[in-house]
Amino acid sequence: QWNALIGGYVQAKRGKEALVLFQE
């Protein structure tokens, strides 16, 4: 589930939020 959400942010070109999720 974490990967699905992080991957969604990356696909949407919202890399900053993806990295914030990675830290969480």
PDB file of all heavy atoms in Angstrom:
ATOM      1  N   GLN A   1       0.831  -1.213   0.000  1.00  0.00           N
ATOM      2  CA  GLN A   1       0.000   0.000   0.000  1.00  0.00           C
ATOM      3  C   GLN A   1       0.868   1.266   0.000  1.00  0.00           C
ATOM      4  O   GLN A   1       0.553   2.238  -0.686  1.00  0.00           O
ATOM      5  CB  GLN A   1      -0.930  -0.002   1.216  1.00  0.00           C
ATOM      6  CG  GLN A   1      -2.012  -1.071   1.177  1.00  0.00           C
ATOM      7  CD  GLN A   1      -1.474  -2.462   1.464  1.00  0.00           C
ATOM      8  OE1 GLN A   1      -0.611  -2.661   2.311  1.00  0.00           O
ATOM      9  NE2 GLN A   1      -1.971  -3.454   0.732  1.00  0.00           N
ATOM     10  N   TRP A   2       1.949   1.255   0.786  1.00  0.00           N
ATOM     11  CA  TRP A   2       2.873   2.398   0.762  1.00  0.00           C
ATOM     12  C   TRP A   2       3.433   2.594  -0.643  1.00  0.00           C
ATOM     13  O   TRP A   2       3.502   3.727  -1.151  1.00  0.00           O
ATOM     14  CB  TRP A   2       4.018   2.171   1.759  1.00  0.00           C
ATOM     15  CG  TRP A   2       3.651   2.421   3.198  1.00  0.00           C
ATOM     16  CD1 TRP A   2       3.285   1.493   4.122  1.00  0.00           C
ATOM     17  CD2 TRP A   2       3.619   3.686   3.872  1.00  0.00           C
ATOM     18  NE1 TRP A   2       3.031   2.098   5.330  1.00  0.00           N
ATOM     19  CE2 TRP A   2       3.230   3.441   5.215  1.00  0.00           C
ATOM     20  CE3 TRP A   2       3.883   4.999   3.481  1.00  0.00           C
ATOM     21  CZ2 TRP A   2       3.098   4.452   6.151  1.00  0.00           C
ATOM     22  CZ3 TRP A   2       3.761   6.017   4.419  1.00  0.00           C
ATOM     23  CH2 TRP A   2       3.362   5.739   5.740  1.00  0.00           C
ATOM     24  N   ASN A   3       3.828   1.505  -1.274  1.00  0.00           N
ATOM     25  CA  ASN A   3       4.394   1.594  -2.626  1.00  0.00           C
ATOM     26  C   ASN A   3       3.377   2.128  -3.629  1.00  0.00           C
ATOM     27  O   ASN A   3       3.732   2.902  -4.528  1.00  0.00           O
ATOM     28  CB  ASN A   3       4.882   0.217  -3.094  1.00  0.00           C
ATOM     29  CG  ASN A   3       6.173  -0.197  -2.425  1.00  0.00           C
ATOM     30  OD1 ASN A   3       6.884   0.635  -1.860  1.00  0.00           O
ATOM     31  ND2 ASN A   3       6.490  -1.474  -2.469  1.00  0.00           N
ATOM     32  N   ALA A   4       2.119   1.709  -3.472  1.00  0.00           N
ATOM     33  CA  ALA A   4       1.075   2.172  -4.399  1.00  0.00           C
ATOM     34  C   ALA A   4       0.914   3.684  -4.318  1.00  0.00           C
ATOM     35  O   ALA A   4       0.829   4.374  -5.350  1.00  0.00           O
ATOM     36  CB  ALA A   4      -0.254   1.480  -4.075  1.00  0.00           C
ATOM     37  N   LEU A   5       0.894   4.220  -3.102  1.00  0.00           N
ATOM     38  CA  LEU A   5       0.698   5.663  -2.939  1.00  0.00           C
ATOM     39  C   LEU A   5       1.937   6.444  -3.363  1.00  0.00           C
ATOM     40  O   LEU A   5       1.840   7.462  -4.056  1.00  0.00           O
ATOM     41  CB  LEU A   5       0.339   5.979  -1.485  1.00  0.00           C
ATOM     42  CG  LEU A   5      -0.286   7.356  -1.229  1.00  0.00           C
ATOM     43  CD1 LEU A   5      -1.541   7.561  -2.061  1.00  0.00           C
ATOM     44  CD2 LEU A   5      -0.606   7.536   0.242  1.00  0.00           C
ATOM     45  N   ILE A   6       3.112   5.970  -2.954  1.00  0.00           N
ATOM     46  CA  ILE A   6       4.353   6.645  -3.355  1.00  0.00           C
ATOM     47  C   ILE A   6       4.487   6.643  -4.875  1.00  0.00           C
ATOM     48  O   ILE A   6       4.811   7.666  -5.492  1.00  0.00           O
ATOM     49  CB  ILE A   6       5.575   5.959  -2.694  1.00  0.00           C
ATOM     50  CG1 ILE A   6       5.586   6.230  -1.186  1.00  0.00           C
ATOM     51  CG2 ILE A   6       6.881   6.454  -3.319  1.00  0.00           C
ATOM     52  CD1 ILE A   6       6.629   5.419  -0.420  1.00  0.00           C
ATOM     53  N   GLY A   7       4.211   5.480  -5.497  1.00  0.00           N
ATOM     54  CA  GLY A   7       4.280   5.375  -6.960  1.00  0.00           C
ATOM     55  C   GLY A   7       3.296   6.303  -7.648  1.00  0.00           C
ATOM     56  O   GLY A   7       3.595   6.860  -8.711  1.00  0.00           O
ATOM     57  N   GLY A   8       2.114   6.484  -7.049  1.00  0.00           N
ATOM     58  CA  GLY A   8       1.118   7.403  -7.618  1.00  0.00           C
ATOM     59  C   GLY A   8       1.622   8.835  -7.639  1.00  0.00           C
ATOM     60  O   GLY A   8       1.457   9.560  -8.631  1.00  0.00           O
ATOM     61  N   TYR A   9       2.255   9.269  -6.543  1.00  0.00           N
ATOM     62  CA  TYR A   9       2.805  10.628  -6.490  1.00  0.00           C
ATOM     63  C   TYR A   9       3.934  10.805  -7.511  1.00  0.00           C
ATOM     64  O   TYR A   9       4.039  11.850  -8.153  1.00  0.00           O
ATOM     65  CB  TYR A   9       3.320  10.940  -5.080  1.00  0.00           C
ATOM     66  CG  TYR A   9       2.233  11.412  -4.140  1.00  0.00           C
ATOM     67  CD1 TYR A   9       1.776  10.586  -3.101  1.00  0.00           C
ATOM     68  CD2 TYR A   9       1.653  12.669  -4.289  1.00  0.00           C
ATOM     69  CE1 TYR A   9       0.767  11.008  -2.245  1.00  0.00           C
ATOM     70  CE2 TYR A   9       0.642  13.093  -3.435  1.00  0.00           C
ATOM     71  CZ  TYR A   9       0.208  12.264  -2.417  1.00  0.00           C
ATOM     72  OH  TYR A   9      -0.793  12.682  -1.586  1.00  0.00           O
ATOM     73  N   VAL A  10       4.759   9.784  -7.663  1.00  0.00           N
ATOM     74  CA  VAL A  10       5.856   9.876  -8.642  1.00  0.00           C
ATOM     75  C   VAL A  10       5.287   9.964 -10.056  1.00  0.00           C
ATOM     76  O   VAL A  10       5.737  10.779 -10.867  1.00  0.00           O
ATOM     77  CB  VAL A  10       6.793   8.647  -8.513  1.00  0.00           C
ATOM     78  CG1 VAL A  10       7.818   8.622  -9.644  1.00  0.00           C
ATOM     79  CG2 VAL A  10       7.503   8.674  -7.171  1.00  0.00           C
ATOM     80  N   GLN A  11       4.271   9.144 -10.339  1.00  0.00           N
ATOM     81  CA  GLN A  11       3.658   9.154 -11.665  1.00  0.00           C
ATOM     82  C   GLN A  11       3.017  10.498 -11.977  1.00  0.00           C
ATOM     83  O   GLN A  11       3.010  10.949 -13.118  1.00  0.00           O
ATOM     84  CB  GLN A  11       2.609   8.039 -11.748  1.00  0.00           C
ATOM     85  CG  GLN A  11       2.017   7.845 -13.138  1.00  0.00           C
ATOM     86  CD  GLN A  11       1.012   6.701 -13.167  1.00  0.00           C
ATOM     87  OE1 GLN A  11       1.195   5.678 -12.517  1.00  0.00           O
ATOM     88  NE2 GLN A  11      -0.045   6.872 -13.913  1.00  0.00           N
ATOM     89  N   ALA A  12       2.496  11.156 -10.943  1.00  0.00           N
ATOM     90  CA  ALA A  12       1.860  12.470 -11.117  1.00  0.00           C
ATOM     91  C   ALA A  12       2.876  13.614 -11.089  1.00  0.00           C
ATOM     92  O   ALA A  12       2.479  14.778 -11.027  1.00  0.00           O
ATOM     93  CB  ALA A  12       0.807  12.676 -10.030  1.00  0.00           C
ATOM     94  N   LYS A  13       4.162  13.275 -11.106  1.00  0.00           N
ATOM     95  CA  LYS A  13       5.249  14.267 -11.081  1.00  0.00           C
ATOM     96  C   LYS A  13       5.229  15.095  -9.795  1.00  0.00           C
ATOM     97  O   LYS A  13       5.606  16.267  -9.788  1.00  0.00           O
ATOM     98  CB  LYS A  13       5.185  15.208 -12.302  1.00  0.00           C
ATOM     99  CG  LYS A  13       5.131  14.509 -13.646  1.00  0.00           C
ATOM    100  CD  LYS A  13       6.402  13.744 -13.933  1.00  0.00           C
ATOM    101  CE  LYS A  13       6.369  13.071 -15.304  1.00  0.00           C
ATOM    102  NZ  LYS A  13       7.538  12.195 -15.538  1.00  0.00           N
ATOM    103  N   ARG A  14       4.802  14.486  -8.721  1.00  0.00           N
ATOM    104  CA  ARG A  14       4.796  15.162  -7.422  1.00  0.00           C
ATOM    105  C   ARG A  14       5.821  14.469  -6.519  1.00  0.00           C
ATOM    106  O   ARG A  14       5.510  13.843  -5.524  1.00  0.00           O
ATOM    107  CB  ARG A  14       3.383  15.123  -6.826  1.00  0.00           C
ATOM    108  CG  ARG A  14       2.407  16.008  -7.604  1.00  0.00           C
ATOM    109  CD  ARG A  14       0.957  15.764  -7.238  1.00  0.00           C
ATOM    110  NE  ARG A  14       0.655  16.101  -5.865  1.00  0.00           N
ATOM    111  CZ  ARG A  14      -0.566  16.052  -5.339  1.00  0.00           C
ATOM    112  NH1 ARG A  14      -1.595  15.686  -6.112  1.00  0.00           N
ATOM    113  NH2 ARG A  14      -0.771  16.364  -4.073  1.00  0.00           N
ATOM    114  N   GLY A  15       7.073  14.589  -6.966  1.00  0.00           N
ATOM    115  CA  GLY A  15       8.157  13.884  -6.314  1.00  0.00           C
ATOM    116  C   GLY A  15       8.386  14.288  -4.878  1.00  0.00           C
ATOM    117  O   GLY A  15       8.758  13.462  -4.038  1.00  0.00           O
ATOM    118  N   LYS A  16       8.147  15.568  -4.567  1.00  0.00           N
ATOM    119  CA  LYS A  16       8.390  16.042  -3.205  1.00  0.00           C
ATOM    120  C   LYS A  16       7.488  15.318  -2.210  1.00  0.00           C
ATOM    121  O   LYS A  16       7.938  14.840  -1.162  1.00  0.00           O
ATOM    122  CB  LYS A  16       8.168  17.546  -3.127  1.00  0.00           C
ATOM    123  CG  LYS A  16       8.611  18.163  -1.818  1.00  0.00           C
ATOM    124  CD  LYS A  16       8.491  19.678  -1.853  1.00  0.00           C
ATOM    125  CE  LYS A  16       8.978  20.284  -0.531  1.00  0.00           C
ATOM    126  NZ  LYS A  16       8.861  21.760  -0.529  1.00  0.00           N
ATOM    127  N   GLU A  17       6.172  15.205  -2.555  1.00  0.00           N
ATOM    128  CA  GLU A  17       5.247  14.498  -1.665  1.00  0.00           C
ATOM    129  C   GLU A  17       5.605  13.014  -1.565  1.00  0.00           C
ATOM    130  O   GLU A  17       5.427  12.398  -0.509  1.00  0.00           O
ATOM    131  CB  GLU A  17       3.809  14.639  -2.172  1.00  0.00           C
ATOM    132  CG  GLU A  17       3.227  16.014  -1.959  1.00  0.00           C
ATOM    133  CD  GLU A  17       3.066  16.787  -3.248  1.00  0.00           C
ATOM    134  OE1 GLU A  17       3.985  16.750  -4.088  1.00  0.00           O
ATOM    135  OE2 GLU A  17       2.032  17.429  -3.413  1.00  0.00           O
ATOM    136  N   ALA A  18       6.114  12.441  -2.678  1.00  0.00           N
ATOM    137  CA  ALA A  18       6.520  11.027  -2.654  1.00  0.00           C
ATOM    138  C   ALA A  18       7.643  10.808  -1.645  1.00  0.00           C
ATOM    139  O   ALA A  18       7.621   9.845  -0.869  1.00  0.00           O
ATOM    140  CB  ALA A  18       6.966  10.589  -4.046  1.00  0.00           C
ATOM    141  N   LEU A  19       8.609  11.723  -1.605  1.00  0.00           N
ATOM    142  CA  LEU A  19       9.726  11.580  -0.672  1.00  0.00           C
ATOM    143  C   LEU A  19       9.294  11.834   0.768  1.00  0.00           C
ATOM    144  O   LEU A  19       9.821  11.217   1.699  1.00  0.00           O
ATOM    145  CB  LEU A  19      10.861  12.525  -1.071  1.00  0.00           C
ATOM    146  CG  LEU A  19      11.552  12.181  -2.400  1.00  0.00           C
ATOM    147  CD1 LEU A  19      12.609  13.220  -2.743  1.00  0.00           C
ATOM    148  CD2 LEU A  19      12.168  10.788  -2.361  1.00  0.00           C
ATOM    149  N   VAL A  20       8.321  12.740   0.951  1.00  0.00           N
ATOM    150  CA  VAL A  20       7.777  12.962   2.301  1.00  0.00           C
ATOM    151  C   VAL A  20       7.106  11.680   2.800  1.00  0.00           C
ATOM    152  O   VAL A  20       7.274  11.277   3.954  1.00  0.00           O
ATOM    153  CB  VAL A  20       6.772  14.137   2.298  1.00  0.00           C
ATOM    154  CG1 VAL A  20       5.995  14.193   3.611  1.00  0.00           C
ATOM    155  CG2 VAL A  20       7.506  15.457   2.072  1.00  0.00           C
ATOM    156  N   LEU A  21       6.347  11.013   1.911  1.00  0.00           N
ATOM    157  CA  LEU A  21       5.710   9.737   2.270  1.00  0.00           C
ATOM    158  C   LEU A  21       6.759   8.677   2.612  1.00  0.00           C
ATOM    159  O   LEU A  21       6.585   7.890   3.550  1.00  0.00           O
ATOM    160  CB  LEU A  21       4.859   9.237   1.099  1.00  0.00           C
ATOM    161  CG  LEU A  21       3.372   9.553   1.111  1.00  0.00           C
ATOM    162  CD1 LEU A  21       2.728   9.068  -0.173  1.00  0.00           C
ATOM    163  CD2 LEU A  21       2.682   8.916   2.304  1.00  0.00           C
ATOM    164  N   PHE A  22       7.841   8.684   1.855  1.00  0.00           N
ATOM    165  CA  PHE A  22       8.927   7.730   2.117  1.00  0.00           C
ATOM    166  C   PHE A  22       9.504   7.935   3.520  1.00  0.00           C
ATOM    167  O   PHE A  22       9.772   6.974   4.243  1.00  0.00           O
ATOM    168  CB  PHE A  22      10.017   7.894   1.052  1.00  0.00           C
ATOM    169  CG  PHE A  22      11.232   7.037   1.274  1.00  0.00           C
ATOM    170  CD1 PHE A  22      11.127   5.656   1.358  1.00  0.00           C
ATOM    171  CD2 PHE A  22      12.490   7.610   1.402  1.00  0.00           C
ATOM    172  CE1 PHE A  22      12.254   4.865   1.561  1.00  0.00           C
ATOM    173  CE2 PHE A  22      13.615   6.831   1.597  1.00  0.00           C
ATOM    174  CZ  PHE A  22      13.490   5.458   1.680  1.00  0.00           C
ATOM    175  N   GLN A  23       9.646   9.199   3.922  1.00  0.00           N
ATOM    176  CA  GLN A  23      10.147   9.488   5.266  1.00  0.00           C
ATOM    177  C   GLN A  23       9.155   9.043   6.333  1.00  0.00           C
ATOM    178  O   GLN A  23       9.530   8.485   7.370  1.00  0.00           O
ATOM    179  CB  GLN A  23      10.451  10.983   5.395  1.00  0.00           C
ATOM    180  CG  GLN A  23      11.654  11.423   4.561  1.00  0.00           C
ATOM    181  CD  GLN A  23      11.829  12.934   4.519  1.00  0.00           C
ATOM    182  OE1 GLN A  23      10.906  13.684   4.822  1.00  0.00           O
ATOM    183  NE2 GLN A  23      13.014  13.380   4.126  1.00  0.00           N
ATOM    184  N   GLU A  24       7.846   9.266   6.079  1.00  0.00           N
ATOM    185  CA  GLU A  24       6.805   8.821   7.020  1.00  0.00           C
ATOM    186  C   GLU A  24       6.831   7.305   7.160  1.00  0.00           C
ATOM    187  O   GLU A  24       6.658   6.751   8.256  1.00  0.00           O
ATOM    188  CB  GLU A  24       5.427   9.264   6.526  1.00  0.00           C
ATOM    189  CG  GLU A  24       5.152  10.751   6.683  1.00  0.00           C
ATOM    190  CD  GLU A  24       3.769  11.103   6.161  1.00  0.00           C
ATOM    191  OE1 GLU A  24       2.907  10.198   6.056  1.00  0.00           O
ATOM    192  OE2 GLU A  24       3.548  12.284   5.842  1.00  0.00           O
TER     193      GLU A  24
END
